[in-house]
Amino acid sequence: FGMVGKVSDKADVYSYGILLLEVFTIRKPTDGQFDWDFSLRQWVAEAFPAAISDVIDSHLLNESNSTATERSAARKELLVAIMEIGLSCSTTSICRIRFPGHN
């Protein structure tokens, strides 16, 4: 959507969905395993729902071989990332931007 210059509610929702996939998988659409033929969304969709634990960050599932302190720190880091997204998306400066066709 953004690559072709279209701004819409649908594009915003799509982008938010991709952002959520990034947060909970700790992967980016630009990671080496993804290309034009295989995307982050496809990777998650193929695992959904039966094998979703294969794509979710292991720290969320407490399946890592780390200590309780390390898991707690990882959860805190994840929560910080989620709150950062919320704060970034709700910044007041974005409200001042005028888009063509929108008052």
PDB file of N, CA and C in Angstrom:
ATOM      1  N   PHE A   1       0.821  -1.185   0.000  1.00  0.00           N
ATOM      2  CA  PHE A   1       0.000   0.000   0.000  1.00  0.00           C
ATOM      3  C   PHE A   1       0.866   1.249   0.000  1.00  0.00           C
ATOM      4  N   GLY A   2       1.726   1.386   0.996  1.00  0.00           N
ATOM      5  CA  GLY A   2       2.562   2.570   1.087  1.00  0.00           C
ATOM      6  C   GLY A   2       3.535   2.695  -0.068  1.00  0.00           C
ATOM      7  N   MET A   3       3.941   1.569  -0.621  1.00  0.00           N
ATOM      8  CA  MET A   3       4.906   1.604  -1.716  1.00  0.00           C
ATOM      9  C   MET A   3       4.315   2.215  -2.976  1.00  0.00           C
ATOM     10  N   VAL A   4       3.002   2.165  -3.133  1.00  0.00           N
ATOM     11  CA  VAL A   4       2.384   2.726  -4.329  1.00  0.00           C
ATOM     12  C   VAL A   4       1.778   4.098  -4.059  1.00  0.00           C
ATOM     13  N   GLY A   5       1.990   4.645  -2.872  1.00  0.00           N
ATOM     14  CA  GLY A   5       1.557   5.991  -2.560  1.00  0.00           C
ATOM     15  C   GLY A   5       0.103   6.147  -2.181  1.00  0.00           C
ATOM     16  N   LYS A   6      -0.595   5.061  -1.872  1.00  0.00           N
ATOM     17  CA  LYS A   6      -2.001   5.145  -1.485  1.00  0.00           C
ATOM     18  C   LYS A   6      -2.108   5.290   0.029  1.00  0.00           C
ATOM     19  N   VAL A   7      -2.847   6.308   0.452  1.00  0.00           N
ATOM     20  CA  VAL A   7      -3.093   6.514   1.867  1.00  0.00           C
ATOM     21  C   VAL A   7      -4.565   6.247   2.118  1.00  0.00           C
ATOM     22  N   SER A   8      -4.845   5.311   3.016  1.00  0.00           N
ATOM     23  CA  SER A   8      -6.233   4.989   3.315  1.00  0.00           C
ATOM     24  C   SER A   8      -6.314   4.297   4.665  1.00  0.00           C
ATOM     25  N   ASP A   9      -7.541   4.180   5.167  1.00  0.00           N
ATOM     26  CA  ASP A   9      -7.752   3.447   6.412  1.00  0.00           C
ATOM     27  C   ASP A   9      -7.324   1.992   6.247  1.00  0.00           C
ATOM     28  N   LYS A  10      -7.596   1.420   5.083  1.00  0.00           N
ATOM     29  CA  LYS A  10      -7.222   0.028   4.828  1.00  0.00           C
ATOM     30  C   LYS A  10      -5.710  -0.151   4.893  1.00  0.00           C
ATOM     31  N   ALA A  11      -4.980   0.807   4.324  1.00  0.00           N
ATOM     32  CA  ALA A  11      -3.516   0.738   4.361  1.00  0.00           C
ATOM     33  C   ALA A  11      -3.019   0.847   5.794  1.00  0.00           C
ATOM     34  N   ASP A  12      -3.666   1.700   6.583  1.00  0.00           N
ATOM     35  CA  ASP A  12      -3.281   1.846   7.987  1.00  0.00           C
ATOM     36  C   ASP A  12      -3.509   0.545   8.755  1.00  0.00           C
ATOM     37  N   VAL A  13      -4.640  -0.064   8.530  1.00  0.00           N
ATOM     38  CA  VAL A  13      -4.954  -1.318   9.220  1.00  0.00           C
ATOM     39  C   VAL A  13      -3.979  -2.412   8.806  1.00  0.00           C
ATOM     40  N   TYR A  14      -3.675  -2.501   7.518  1.00  0.00           N
ATOM     41  CA  TYR A  14      -2.711  -3.485   7.015  1.00  0.00           C
ATOM     42  C   TYR A  14      -1.351  -3.261   7.680  1.00  0.00           C
ATOM     43  N   SER A  15      -0.911  -2.026   7.700  1.00  0.00           N
ATOM     44  CA  SER A  15       0.390  -1.709   8.300  1.00  0.00           C
ATOM     45  C   SER A  15       0.420  -2.054   9.776  1.00  0.00           C
ATOM     46  N   TYR A  16      -0.669  -1.773  10.464  1.00  0.00           N
ATOM     47  CA  TYR A  16      -0.742  -2.110  11.886  1.00  0.00           C
ATOM     48  C   TYR A  16      -0.671  -3.624  12.078  1.00  0.00           C
ATOM     49  N   GLY A  17      -1.337  -4.368  11.216  1.00  0.00           N
ATOM     50  CA  GLY A  17      -1.284  -5.826  11.299  1.00  0.00           C
ATOM     51  C   GLY A  17       0.127  -6.358  11.116  1.00  0.00           C
ATOM     52  N   ILE A  18       0.831  -5.819  10.131  1.00  0.00           N
ATOM     53  CA  ILE A  18       2.221  -6.228   9.907  1.00  0.00           C
ATOM     54  C   ILE A  18       3.077  -5.866  11.107  1.00  0.00           C
ATOM     55  N   LEU A  19       2.814  -4.708  11.677  1.00  0.00           N
ATOM     56  CA  LEU A  19       3.548  -4.276  12.862  1.00  0.00           C
ATOM     57  C   LEU A  19       3.347  -5.252  14.016  1.00  0.00           C
ATOM     58  N   LEU A  20       2.122  -5.703  14.217  1.00  0.00           N
ATOM     59  CA  LEU A  20       1.867  -6.692  15.271  1.00  0.00           C
ATOM     60  C   LEU A  20       2.611  -7.995  15.003  1.00  0.00           C
ATOM     61  N   LEU A  21       2.628  -8.429  13.763  1.00  0.00           N
ATOM     62  CA  LEU A  21       3.373  -9.647  13.431  1.00  0.00           C
ATOM     63  C   LEU A  21       4.851  -9.465  13.765  1.00  0.00           C
ATOM     64  N   GLU A  22       5.387  -8.287  13.453  1.00  0.00           N
ATOM     65  CA  GLU A  22       6.786  -8.007  13.766  1.00  0.00           C
ATOM     66  C   GLU A  22       7.051  -8.078  15.265  1.00  0.00           C
ATOM     67  N   VAL A  23       6.180  -7.469  16.044  1.00  0.00           N
ATOM     68  CA  VAL A  23       6.380  -7.412  17.494  1.00  0.00           C
ATOM     69  C   VAL A  23       6.359  -8.802  18.113  1.00  0.00           C
ATOM     70  N   PHE A  24       5.375  -9.613  17.738  1.00  0.00           N
ATOM     71  CA  PHE A  24       5.216 -10.896  18.411  1.00  0.00           C
ATOM     72  C   PHE A  24       6.061 -12.021  17.826  1.00  0.00           C
ATOM     73  N   THR A  25       6.619 -11.818  16.639  1.00  0.00           N
ATOM     74  CA  THR A  25       7.533 -12.819  16.090  1.00  0.00           C
ATOM     75  C   THR A  25       8.988 -12.391  16.236  1.00  0.00           C
ATOM     76  N   ILE A  26       9.204 -11.148  16.529  1.00  0.00           N
ATOM     77  CA  ILE A  26      10.539 -10.539  16.595  1.00  0.00           C
ATOM     78  C   ILE A  26      11.252 -10.709  15.245  1.00  0.00           C
ATOM     79  N   ARG A  27      10.504 -10.600  14.183  1.00  0.00           N
ATOM     80  CA  ARG A  27      11.034 -10.645  12.817  1.00  0.00           C
ATOM     81  C   ARG A  27      10.593  -9.390  12.080  1.00  0.00           C
ATOM     82  N   LYS A  28      11.322  -9.031  11.059  1.00  0.00           N
ATOM     83  CA  LYS A  28      10.977  -7.887  10.219  1.00  0.00           C
ATOM     84  C   LYS A  28      10.680  -8.371   8.806  1.00  0.00           C
ATOM     85  N   PRO A  29       9.811  -7.666   8.091  1.00  0.00           N
ATOM     86  CA  PRO A  29       9.534  -8.053   6.706  1.00  0.00           C
ATOM     87  C   PRO A  29      10.782  -8.028   5.830  1.00  0.00           C
ATOM     88  N   THR A  30      11.803  -7.317   6.282  1.00  0.00           N
ATOM     89  CA  THR A  30      13.039  -7.206   5.507  1.00  0.00           C
ATOM     90  C   THR A  30      14.093  -8.229   5.899  1.00  0.00           C
ATOM     91  N   ASP A  31      13.778  -9.117   6.852  1.00  0.00           N
ATOM     92  CA  ASP A  31      14.731 -10.161   7.234  1.00  0.00           C
ATOM     93  C   ASP A  31      15.087 -11.017   6.022  1.00  0.00           C
ATOM     94  N   GLY A  32      16.268 -11.580   6.032  1.00  0.00           N
ATOM     95  CA  GLY A  32      16.781 -12.356   4.909  1.00  0.00           C
ATOM     96  C   GLY A  32      15.924 -13.527   4.467  1.00  0.00           C
ATOM     97  N   GLN A  33      15.160 -14.109   5.384  1.00  0.00           N
ATOM     98  CA  GLN A  33      14.344 -15.266   5.004  1.00  0.00           C
ATOM     99  C   GLN A  33      13.126 -14.872   4.175  1.00  0.00           C
ATOM    100  N   PHE A  34      12.806 -13.578   4.122  1.00  0.00           N
ATOM    101  CA  PHE A  34      11.644 -13.114   3.374  1.00  0.00           C
ATOM    102  C   PHE A  34      12.082 -12.403   2.101  1.00  0.00           C
ATOM    103  N   ASP A  35      11.292 -12.587   1.052  1.00  0.00           N
ATOM    104  CA  ASP A  35      11.558 -11.916  -0.220  1.00  0.00           C
ATOM    105  C   ASP A  35      10.220 -11.646  -0.902  1.00  0.00           C
ATOM    106  N   TRP A  36      10.239 -11.327  -2.169  1.00  0.00           N
ATOM    107  CA  TRP A  36       8.997 -11.017  -2.887  1.00  0.00           C
ATOM    108  C   TRP A  36       8.057 -12.214  -2.973  1.00  0.00           C
ATOM    109  N   ASP A  37       8.613 -13.428  -2.901  1.00  0.00           N
ATOM    110  CA  ASP A  37       7.796 -14.629  -3.020  1.00  0.00           C
ATOM    111  C   ASP A  37       7.338 -15.206  -1.675  1.00  0.00           C
ATOM    112  N   PHE A  38       7.986 -14.808  -0.601  1.00  0.00           N
ATOM    113  CA  PHE A  38       7.651 -15.353   0.720  1.00  0.00           C
ATOM    114  C   PHE A  38       7.789 -14.240   1.755  1.00  0.00           C
ATOM    115  N   SER A  39       6.662 -13.819   2.324  1.00  0.00           N
ATOM    116  CA  SER A  39       6.649 -12.665   3.221  1.00  0.00           C
ATOM    117  C   SER A  39       6.488 -13.083   4.684  1.00  0.00           C
ATOM    118  N   LEU A  40       6.697 -12.125   5.558  1.00  0.00           N
ATOM    119  CA  LEU A  40       6.451 -12.331   6.980  1.00  0.00           C
ATOM    120  C   LEU A  40       5.010 -12.782   7.196  1.00  0.00           C
ATOM    121  N   ARG A  41       4.080 -12.142   6.515  1.00  0.00           N
ATOM    122  CA  ARG A  41       2.665 -12.494   6.667  1.00  0.00           C
ATOM    123  C   ARG A  41       2.401 -13.942   6.230  1.00  0.00           C
ATOM    124  N   GLN A  42       2.997 -14.344   5.122  1.00  0.00           N
ATOM    125  CA  GLN A  42       2.823 -15.726   4.656  1.00  0.00           C
ATOM    126  C   GLN A  42       3.387 -16.717   5.663  1.00  0.00           C
ATOM    127  N   TRP A  43       4.541 -16.386   6.215  1.00  0.00           N
ATOM    128  CA  TRP A  43       5.197 -17.252   7.195  1.00  0.00           C
ATOM    129  C   TRP A  43       4.285 -17.487   8.398  1.00  0.00           C
ATOM    130  N   VAL A  44       3.707 -16.407   8.930  1.00  0.00           N
ATOM    131  CA  VAL A  44       2.811 -16.518  10.075  1.00  0.00           C
ATOM    132  C   VAL A  44       1.516 -17.229   9.667  1.00  0.00           C
ATOM    133  N   ALA A  45       0.968 -16.881   8.516  1.00  0.00           N
ATOM    134  CA  ALA A  45      -0.287 -17.480   8.052  1.00  0.00           C
ATOM    135  C   ALA A  45      -0.156 -18.988   7.884  1.00  0.00           C
ATOM    136  N   GLU A  46       0.991 -19.445   7.397  1.00  0.00           N
ATOM    137  CA  GLU A  46       1.202 -20.878   7.226  1.00  0.00           C
ATOM    138  C   GLU A  46       1.260 -21.613   8.565  1.00  0.00           C
ATOM    139  N   ALA A  47       1.707 -20.935   9.599  1.00  0.00           N
ATOM    140  CA  ALA A  47       1.797 -21.547  10.924  1.00  0.00           C
ATOM    141  C   ALA A  47       0.485 -21.427  11.701  1.00  0.00           C
ATOM    142  N   PHE A  48      -0.391 -20.548  11.265  1.00  0.00           N
ATOM    143  CA  PHE A  48      -1.623 -20.250  12.000  1.00  0.00           C
ATOM    144  C   PHE A  48      -2.716 -21.252  11.704  1.00  0.00           C
ATOM    145  N   PRO A  49      -3.434 -21.741  12.700  1.00  0.00           N
ATOM    146  CA  PRO A  49      -3.201 -21.584  14.133  1.00  0.00           C
ATOM    147  C   PRO A  49      -2.442 -22.751  14.761  1.00  0.00           C
ATOM    148  N   ALA A  50      -2.389 -23.867  14.071  1.00  0.00           N
ATOM    149  CA  ALA A  50      -1.852 -25.102  14.672  1.00  0.00           C
ATOM    150  C   ALA A  50      -0.398 -24.983  15.126  1.00  0.00           C
ATOM    151  N   ALA A  51       0.433 -24.343  14.341  1.00  0.00           N
ATOM    152  CA  ALA A  51       1.862 -24.275  14.667  1.00  0.00           C
ATOM    153  C   ALA A  51       2.299 -22.863  15.026  1.00  0.00           C
ATOM    154  N   ILE A  52       1.384 -22.079  15.581  1.00  0.00           N
ATOM    155  CA  ILE A  52       1.696 -20.681  15.872  1.00  0.00           C
ATOM    156  C   ILE A  52       2.871 -20.538  16.834  1.00  0.00           C
ATOM    157  N   SER A  53       3.040 -21.509  17.718  1.00  0.00           N
ATOM    158  CA  SER A  53       4.168 -21.426  18.656  1.00  0.00           C
ATOM    159  C   SER A  53       5.512 -21.528  17.943  1.00  0.00           C
ATOM    160  N   ASP A  54       5.506 -21.992  16.698  1.00  0.00           N
ATOM    161  CA  ASP A  54       6.750 -22.062  15.932  1.00  0.00           C
ATOM    162  C   ASP A  54       7.215 -20.686  15.452  1.00  0.00           C
ATOM    163  N   VAL A  55       6.297 -19.729  15.391  1.00  0.00           N
ATOM    164  CA  VAL A  55       6.667 -18.401  14.890  1.00  0.00           C
ATOM    165  C   VAL A  55       6.657 -17.319  15.968  1.00  0.00           C
ATOM    166  N   ILE A  56       5.966 -17.568  17.080  1.00  0.00           N
ATOM    167  CA  ILE A  56       5.936 -16.591  18.171  1.00  0.00           C
ATOM    168  C   ILE A  56       7.268 -16.617  18.903  1.00  0.00           C
ATOM    169  N   ASP A  57       7.719 -15.443  19.315  1.00  0.00           N
ATOM    170  CA  ASP A  57       8.964 -15.340  20.066  1.00  0.00           C
ATOM    171  C   ASP A  57       8.902 -16.255  21.286  1.00  0.00           C
ATOM    172  N   SER A  58       9.895 -17.089  21.460  1.00  0.00           N
ATOM    173  CA  SER A  58       9.891 -18.090  22.535  1.00  0.00           C
ATOM    174  C   SER A  58       9.823 -17.461  23.923  1.00  0.00           C
ATOM    175  N   HIS A  59      10.282 -16.235  24.062  1.00  0.00           N
ATOM    176  CA  HIS A  59      10.202 -15.581  25.369  1.00  0.00           C
ATOM    177  C   HIS A  59       8.753 -15.384  25.809  1.00  0.00           C
ATOM    178  N   LEU A  60       7.871 -15.205  24.854  1.00  0.00           N
ATOM    179  CA  LEU A  60       6.452 -15.041  25.188  1.00  0.00           C
ATOM    180  C   LEU A  60       5.846 -16.335  25.703  1.00  0.00           C
ATOM    181  N   LEU A  61       6.367 -17.421  25.240  1.00  0.00           N
ATOM    182  CA  LEU A  61       5.823 -18.730  25.596  1.00  0.00           C
ATOM    183  C   LEU A  61       6.576 -19.398  26.737  1.00  0.00           C
ATOM    184  N   ASN A  62       7.575 -18.707  27.274  1.00  0.00           N
ATOM    185  CA  ASN A  62       8.411 -19.260  28.349  1.00  0.00           C
ATOM    186  C   ASN A  62       9.038 -20.582  27.960  1.00  0.00           C
ATOM    187  N   GLU A  63       9.390 -20.725  26.683  1.00  0.00           N
ATOM    188  CA  GLU A  63       9.982 -21.974  26.227  1.00  0.00           C
ATOM    189  C   GLU A  63      11.501 -21.888  26.067  1.00  0.00           C
ATOM    190  N   SER A  64      12.053 -20.780  26.464  1.00  0.00           N
ATOM    191  CA  SER A  64      13.501 -20.649  26.312  1.00  0.00           C
ATOM    192  C   SER A  64      14.211 -21.319  27.480  1.00  0.00           C
ATOM    193  N   ASN A  65      15.469 -21.579  27.299  1.00  0.00           N
ATOM    194  CA  ASN A  65      16.276 -22.219  28.333  1.00  0.00           C
ATOM    195  C   ASN A  65      16.953 -21.180  29.212  1.00  0.00           C
ATOM    196  N   SER A  66      16.284 -20.071  29.446  1.00  0.00           N
ATOM    197  CA  SER A  66      16.865 -19.001  30.230  1.00  0.00           C
ATOM    198  C   SER A  66      16.332 -19.030  31.658  1.00  0.00           C
ATOM    199  N   THR A  67      16.955 -18.227  32.497  1.00  0.00           N
ATOM    200  CA  THR A  67      16.537 -18.154  33.898  1.00  0.00           C
ATOM    201  C   THR A  67      15.266 -17.317  34.019  1.00  0.00           C
ATOM    202  N   ALA A  68      14.644 -17.392  35.176  1.00  0.00           N
ATOM    203  CA  ALA A  68      13.429 -16.601  35.426  1.00  0.00           C
ATOM    204  C   ALA A  68      13.718 -15.108  35.297  1.00  0.00           C
ATOM    205  N   THR A  69      14.872 -14.690  35.743  1.00  0.00           N
ATOM    206  CA  THR A  69      15.249 -13.277  35.645  1.00  0.00           C
ATOM    207  C   THR A  69      15.398 -12.858  34.195  1.00  0.00           C
ATOM    208  N   GLU A  70      16.012 -13.711  33.383  1.00  0.00           N
ATOM    209  CA  GLU A  70      16.158 -13.411  31.958  1.00  0.00           C
ATOM    210  C   GLU A  70      14.799 -13.372  31.262  1.00  0.00           C
ATOM    211  N   ARG A  71      13.904 -14.292  31.619  1.00  0.00           N
ATOM    212  CA  ARG A  71      12.561 -14.298  31.028  1.00  0.00           C
ATOM    213  C   ARG A  71      11.785 -13.042  31.427  1.00  0.00           C
ATOM    214  N   SER A  72      11.924 -12.646  32.680  1.00  0.00           N
ATOM    215  CA  SER A  72      11.255 -11.442  33.155  1.00  0.00           C
ATOM    216  C   SER A  72      11.769 -10.213  32.406  1.00  0.00           C
ATOM    217  N   ALA A  73      13.067 -10.150  32.208  1.00  0.00           N
ATOM    218  CA  ALA A  73      13.657  -9.033  31.460  1.00  0.00           C
ATOM    219  C   ALA A  73      13.187  -9.045  30.012  1.00  0.00           C
ATOM    220  N   ALA A  74      13.075 -10.228  29.421  1.00  0.00           N
ATOM    221  CA  ALA A  74      12.609 -10.336  28.038  1.00  0.00           C
ATOM    222  C   ALA A  74      11.155  -9.897  27.919  1.00  0.00           C
ATOM    223  N   ARG A  75      10.316 -10.288  28.899  1.00  0.00           N
ATOM    224  CA  ARG A  75       8.906  -9.862  28.886  1.00  0.00           C
ATOM    225  C   ARG A  75       8.807  -8.353  29.025  1.00  0.00           C
ATOM    226  N   LYS A  76       9.631  -7.796  29.905  1.00  0.00           N
ATOM    227  CA  LYS A  76       9.626  -6.342  30.087  1.00  0.00           C
ATOM    228  C   LYS A  76      10.042  -5.657  28.791  1.00  0.00           C
ATOM    229  N   GLU A  77      11.060  -6.187  28.137  1.00  0.00           N
ATOM    230  CA  GLU A  77      11.522  -5.630  26.869  1.00  0.00           C
ATOM    231  C   GLU A  77      10.405  -5.677  25.823  1.00  0.00           C
ATOM    232  N   LEU A  78       9.679  -6.782  25.792  1.00  0.00           N
ATOM    233  CA  LEU A  78       8.571  -6.916  24.850  1.00  0.00           C
ATOM    234  C   LEU A  78       7.475  -5.905  25.150  1.00  0.00           C
ATOM    235  N   LEU A  79       7.114  -5.770  26.427  1.00  0.00           N
ATOM    236  CA  LEU A  79       6.092  -4.803  26.799  1.00  0.00           C
ATOM    237  C   LEU A  79       6.515  -3.384  26.477  1.00  0.00           C
ATOM    238  N   VAL A  80       7.785  -3.094  26.674  1.00  0.00           N
ATOM    239  CA  VAL A  80       8.301  -1.777  26.309  1.00  0.00           C
ATOM    240  C   VAL A  80       8.136  -1.557  24.806  1.00  0.00           C
ATOM    241  N   ALA A  81       8.432  -2.571  24.014  1.00  0.00           N
ATOM    242  CA  ALA A  81       8.289  -2.454  22.557  1.00  0.00           C
ATOM    243  C   ALA A  81       6.838  -2.203  22.161  1.00  0.00           C
ATOM    244  N   ILE A  82       5.909  -2.903  22.807  1.00  0.00           N
ATOM    245  CA  ILE A  82       4.486  -2.719  22.499  1.00  0.00           C
ATOM    246  C   ILE A  82       4.037  -1.314  22.880  1.00  0.00           C
ATOM    247  N   MET A  83       4.441  -0.852  24.056  1.00  0.00           N
ATOM    248  CA  MET A  83       4.064   0.498  24.484  1.00  0.00           C
ATOM    249  C   MET A  83       4.708   1.558  23.590  1.00  0.00           C
ATOM    250  N   GLU A  84       5.920   1.296  23.131  1.00  0.00           N
ATOM    251  CA  GLU A  84       6.584   2.216  22.214  1.00  0.00           C
ATOM    252  C   GLU A  84       5.777   2.355  20.928  1.00  0.00           C
ATOM    253  N   ILE A  85       5.258   1.250  20.444  1.00  0.00           N
ATOM    254  CA  ILE A  85       4.418   1.283  19.248  1.00  0.00           C
ATOM    255  C   ILE A  85       3.181   2.133  19.506  1.00  0.00           C
ATOM    256  N   GLY A  86       2.528   1.884  20.633  1.00  0.00           N
ATOM    257  CA  GLY A  86       1.336   2.660  20.967  1.00  0.00           C
ATOM    258  C   GLY A  86       1.623   4.141  21.077  1.00  0.00           C
ATOM    259  N   LEU A  87       2.724   4.485  21.727  1.00  0.00           N
ATOM    260  CA  LEU A  87       3.084   5.890  21.868  1.00  0.00           C
ATOM    261  C   LEU A  87       3.445   6.513  20.528  1.00  0.00           C
ATOM    262  N   SER A  88       4.169   5.781  19.720  1.00  0.00           N
ATOM    263  CA  SER A  88       4.549   6.294  18.397  1.00  0.00           C
ATOM    264  C   SER A  88       3.331   6.512  17.510  1.00  0.00           C
ATOM    265  N   CYS A  89       2.394   5.565  17.559  1.00  0.00           N
ATOM    266  CA  CYS A  89       1.193   5.676  16.730  1.00  0.00           C
ATOM    267  C   CYS A  89       0.279   6.797  17.192  1.00  0.00           C
ATOM    268  N   SER A  90       0.366   7.161  18.458  1.00  0.00           N
ATOM    269  CA  SER A  90      -0.552   8.153  18.996  1.00  0.00           C
ATOM    270  C   SER A  90       0.101   9.508  19.233  1.00  0.00           C
ATOM    271  N   THR A  91       1.244   9.731  18.648  1.00  0.00           N
ATOM    272  CA  THR A  91       1.913  11.006  18.818  1.00  0.00           C
ATOM    273  C   THR A  91       1.032  12.135  18.288  1.00  0.00           C
ATOM    274  N   THR A  92       1.034  13.252  18.971  1.00  0.00           N
ATOM    275  CA  THR A  92       0.158  14.356  18.569  1.00  0.00           C
ATOM    276  C   THR A  92       0.609  15.022  17.288  1.00  0.00           C
ATOM    277  N   SER A  93       1.868  14.916  16.936  1.00  0.00           N
ATOM    278  CA  SER A  93       2.336  15.559  15.708  1.00  0.00           C
ATOM    279  C   SER A  93       1.672  14.965  14.470  1.00  0.00           C
ATOM    280  N   ILE A  94       1.317  13.700  14.513  1.00  0.00           N
ATOM    281  CA  ILE A  94       0.651  13.075  13.368  1.00  0.00           C
ATOM    282  C   ILE A  94      -0.739  13.673  13.169  1.00  0.00           C
ATOM    283  N   CYS A  95      -1.365  14.135  14.250  1.00  0.00           N
ATOM    284  CA  CYS A  95      -2.702  14.720  14.151  1.00  0.00           C
ATOM    285  C   CYS A  95      -2.685  16.050  13.409  1.00  0.00           C
ATOM    286  N   ARG A  96      -1.543  16.707  13.367  1.00  0.00           N
ATOM    287  CA  ARG A  96      -1.445  18.001  12.690  1.00  0.00           C
ATOM    288  C   ARG A  96      -1.168  17.871  11.202  1.00  0.00           C
ATOM    289  N   ILE A  97      -0.871  16.680  10.755  1.00  0.00           N
ATOM    290  CA  ILE A  97      -0.584  16.483   9.338  1.00  0.00           C
ATOM    291  C   ILE A  97      -1.883  16.505   8.557  1.00  0.00           C
ATOM    292  N   ARG A  98      -1.914  17.273   7.480  1.00  0.00           N
ATOM    293  CA  ARG A  98      -3.118  17.343   6.651  1.00  0.00           C
ATOM    294  C   ARG A  98      -2.894  16.477   5.425  1.00  0.00           C
ATOM    295  N   PHE A  99      -3.820  15.572   5.198  1.00  0.00           N
ATOM    296  CA  PHE A  99      -3.771  14.712   4.026  1.00  0.00           C
ATOM    297  C   PHE A  99      -4.720  15.240   2.977  1.00  0.00           C
ATOM    298  N   PRO A 100      -4.361  15.153   1.705  1.00  0.00           N
ATOM    299  CA  PRO A 100      -5.271  15.596   0.644  1.00  0.00           C
ATOM    300  C   PRO A 100      -6.625  14.898   0.770  1.00  0.00           C
ATOM    301  N   GLY A 101      -7.704  15.695   0.693  1.00  0.00           N
ATOM    302  CA  GLY A 101      -9.027  15.124   0.773  1.00  0.00           C
ATOM    303  C   GLY A 101      -9.548  14.936   2.181  1.00  0.00           C
ATOM    304  N   HIS A 102      -8.727  15.261   3.194  1.00  0.00           N
ATOM    305  CA  HIS A 102      -9.137  15.130   4.595  1.00  0.00           C
ATOM    306  C   HIS A 102      -9.020  16.487   5.253  1.00  0.00           C
ATOM    307  N   ASN A 103     -10.021  16.895   5.987  1.00  0.00           N
ATOM    308  CA  ASN A 103      -9.965  18.182   6.724  1.00  0.00           C
ATOM    309  C   ASN A 103      -9.564  17.979   8.153  1.00  0.00           C
TER     310      ASN A 103
END
